[in-house]
Amino acid sequence: MRNLWGPEDVANYLGVPLNTVYQWRCRGYGPAGRKIGKYVRYKPEDVERWFESMAEGVI
């Protein structure tokens, strides 16, 4: 099993600002994260699956 990612890891993987990851979470958007105590953690495969589910191309 791979290590869980924090919000910083998700931001780095997706190439977005850390604040964007926090905003997504507040809006119910973005990859699924789980609360572990006071921390939010993401399974890397969930982040990758979410990314792959996004439509290709730029609008």
N, C-alpha and C. Protein backbone atom coordinates (compact mmCIF):
# COMPACT_ATOMS: atom_id res chain seq x y z
N MET A 1 0.84 -1.18 0.00
CA MET A 1 0.00 0.00 0.00
C MET A 1 0.89 1.24 0.00
N ARG A 2 0.50 2.19 -0.82
CA ARG A 2 1.26 3.44 -0.88
C ARG A 2 0.85 4.33 0.29
N ASN A 3 1.72 5.27 0.62
CA ASN A 3 1.41 6.22 1.68
C ASN A 3 0.26 7.12 1.28
N LEU A 4 -0.48 7.59 2.26
CA LEU A 4 -1.55 8.53 2.01
C LEU A 4 -0.96 9.89 1.71
N TRP A 5 -1.70 10.70 0.97
CA TRP A 5 -1.26 12.05 0.63
C TRP A 5 -1.99 13.07 1.48
N GLY A 6 -1.31 14.15 1.79
CA GLY A 6 -1.93 15.30 2.40
C GLY A 6 -2.35 16.27 1.31
N PRO A 7 -3.02 17.36 1.68
CA PRO A 7 -3.44 18.35 0.69
C PRO A 7 -2.28 18.91 -0.14
N GLU A 8 -1.12 19.06 0.48
CA GLU A 8 0.05 19.58 -0.24
C GLU A 8 0.46 18.64 -1.36
N ASP A 9 0.41 17.34 -1.08
CA ASP A 9 0.77 16.34 -2.09
C ASP A 9 -0.21 16.36 -3.26
N VAL A 10 -1.49 16.51 -2.94
CA VAL A 10 -2.51 16.58 -3.99
C VAL A 10 -2.29 17.82 -4.86
N ALA A 11 -2.03 18.95 -4.22
CA ALA A 11 -1.77 20.18 -4.97
C ALA A 11 -0.56 20.02 -5.89
N ASN A 12 0.50 19.43 -5.38
CA ASN A 12 1.71 19.22 -6.19
C ASN A 12 1.44 18.28 -7.36
N TYR A 13 0.72 17.20 -7.11
CA TYR A 13 0.42 16.24 -8.17
C TYR A 13 -0.41 16.88 -9.28
N LEU A 14 -1.42 17.67 -8.89
CA LEU A 14 -2.32 18.27 -9.87
C LEU A 14 -1.79 19.59 -10.43
N GLY A 15 -0.75 20.14 -9.81
CA GLY A 15 -0.17 21.39 -10.30
C GLY A 15 -1.07 22.59 -10.05
N VAL A 16 -1.77 22.57 -8.90
CA VAL A 16 -2.64 23.68 -8.53
C VAL A 16 -2.18 24.23 -7.18
N PRO A 17 -2.57 25.48 -6.87
CA PRO A 17 -2.23 26.02 -5.56
C PRO A 17 -2.90 25.23 -4.42
N LEU A 18 -2.24 25.18 -3.30
CA LEU A 18 -2.77 24.47 -2.14
C LEU A 18 -4.15 25.00 -1.76
N ASN A 19 -4.33 26.30 -1.82
CA ASN A 19 -5.62 26.89 -1.47
C ASN A 19 -6.75 26.36 -2.35
N THR A 20 -6.45 26.04 -3.59
CA THR A 20 -7.45 25.47 -4.50
C THR A 20 -7.96 24.14 -3.97
N VAL A 21 -7.06 23.30 -3.48
CA VAL A 21 -7.45 22.00 -2.92
C VAL A 21 -8.39 22.22 -1.72
N TYR A 22 -8.07 23.18 -0.86
CA TYR A 22 -8.93 23.48 0.29
C TYR A 22 -10.29 23.99 -0.16
N GLN A 23 -10.31 24.85 -1.17
CA GLN A 23 -11.58 25.38 -1.68
C GLN A 23 -12.43 24.27 -2.28
N TRP A 24 -11.81 23.39 -3.04
CA TRP A 24 -12.54 22.26 -3.61
C TRP A 24 -13.20 21.45 -2.51
N ARG A 25 -12.45 21.17 -1.47
CA ARG A 25 -12.99 20.34 -0.38
C ARG A 25 -14.20 21.01 0.25
N CYS A 26 -14.13 22.31 0.49
CA CYS A 26 -15.25 23.05 1.09
C CYS A 26 -16.48 23.04 0.18
N ARG A 27 -16.26 22.98 -1.12
CA ARG A 27 -17.36 23.01 -2.09
C ARG A 27 -17.84 21.61 -2.50
N GLY A 28 -17.23 20.58 -1.94
CA GLY A 28 -17.63 19.22 -2.30
C GLY A 28 -17.17 18.79 -3.67
N TYR A 29 -16.09 19.42 -4.15
CA TYR A 29 -15.54 19.14 -5.47
C TYR A 29 -14.16 18.53 -5.27
N GLY A 30 -13.60 17.99 -6.31
CA GLY A 30 -12.24 17.47 -6.23
C GLY A 30 -12.20 16.03 -5.78
N PRO A 31 -11.00 15.51 -5.62
CA PRO A 31 -10.85 14.11 -5.22
C PRO A 31 -11.36 13.88 -3.80
N ALA A 32 -11.81 12.66 -3.56
CA ALA A 32 -12.33 12.31 -2.24
C ALA A 32 -11.21 12.26 -1.22
N GLY A 33 -11.42 12.95 -0.11
CA GLY A 33 -10.47 12.92 0.99
C GLY A 33 -11.16 12.37 2.23
N ARG A 34 -10.37 11.96 3.18
CA ARG A 34 -10.92 11.41 4.42
C ARG A 34 -10.28 12.11 5.61
N LYS A 35 -11.10 12.40 6.61
CA LYS A 35 -10.59 13.00 7.84
C LYS A 35 -10.01 11.91 8.72
N ILE A 36 -8.79 12.12 9.15
CA ILE A 36 -8.15 11.23 10.11
C ILE A 36 -7.73 12.14 11.26
N GLY A 37 -8.54 12.13 12.31
CA GLY A 37 -8.33 13.09 13.39
C GLY A 37 -8.61 14.48 12.85
N LYS A 38 -7.64 15.36 12.99
CA LYS A 38 -7.82 16.72 12.47
C LYS A 38 -7.20 16.90 11.08
N TYR A 39 -6.73 15.81 10.49
CA TYR A 39 -6.04 15.88 9.20
C TYR A 39 -6.91 15.32 8.08
N VAL A 40 -6.72 15.85 6.89
CA VAL A 40 -7.37 15.31 5.69
C VAL A 40 -6.30 14.54 4.92
N ARG A 41 -6.63 13.33 4.54
CA ARG A 41 -5.70 12.51 3.78
C ARG A 41 -6.41 11.94 2.56
N TYR A 42 -5.63 11.71 1.53
CA TYR A 42 -6.14 11.22 0.25
C TYR A 42 -5.39 9.96 -0.14
N LYS A 43 -6.12 9.00 -0.71
CA LYS A 43 -5.47 7.85 -1.31
C LYS A 43 -4.98 8.29 -2.68
N PRO A 44 -3.70 8.06 -3.00
CA PRO A 44 -3.19 8.48 -4.31
C PRO A 44 -4.01 7.93 -5.47
N GLU A 45 -4.48 6.69 -5.36
CA GLU A 45 -5.26 6.12 -6.46
C GLU A 45 -6.60 6.83 -6.63
N ASP A 46 -7.19 7.36 -5.53
CA ASP A 46 -8.43 8.13 -5.64
C ASP A 46 -8.19 9.45 -6.37
N VAL A 47 -7.06 10.09 -6.07
CA VAL A 47 -6.72 11.35 -6.74
C VAL A 47 -6.49 11.09 -8.22
N GLU A 48 -5.74 10.04 -8.54
CA GLU A 48 -5.47 9.70 -9.93
C GLU A 48 -6.76 9.34 -10.67
N ARG A 49 -7.64 8.58 -10.03
CA ARG A 49 -8.92 8.21 -10.64
C ARG A 49 -9.77 9.45 -10.90
N TRP A 50 -9.81 10.37 -9.93
CA TRP A 50 -10.57 11.61 -10.11
C TRP A 50 -10.02 12.40 -11.29
N PHE A 51 -8.70 12.50 -11.37
CA PHE A 51 -8.07 13.23 -12.47
C PHE A 51 -8.41 12.59 -13.81
N GLU A 52 -8.33 11.28 -13.88
CA GLU A 52 -8.62 10.56 -15.13
C GLU A 52 -10.09 10.69 -15.54
N SER A 53 -10.98 10.94 -14.57
CA SER A 53 -12.39 11.07 -14.89
C SER A 53 -12.74 12.44 -15.45
N MET A 54 -11.82 13.38 -15.36
CA MET A 54 -12.08 14.71 -15.87
C MET A 54 -12.08 14.68 -17.41
N ALA A 55 -12.92 15.52 -17.99
CA ALA A 55 -12.99 15.58 -19.45
C ALA A 55 -11.66 16.08 -20.00
N GLU A 56 -11.28 15.55 -21.14
CA GLU A 56 -10.04 15.98 -21.78
C GLU A 56 -10.27 17.28 -22.53
N GLY A 57 -9.21 18.02 -22.71
CA GLY A 57 -9.28 19.27 -23.46
C GLY A 57 -9.54 20.46 -22.57
N VAL A 58 -9.37 21.60 -23.15
CA VAL A 58 -9.59 22.85 -22.42
C VAL A 58 -10.80 23.55 -23.01
N ILE A 59 -11.63 24.04 -22.14
CA ILE A 59 -12.84 24.73 -22.61
C ILE A 59 -12.54 26.20 -22.82
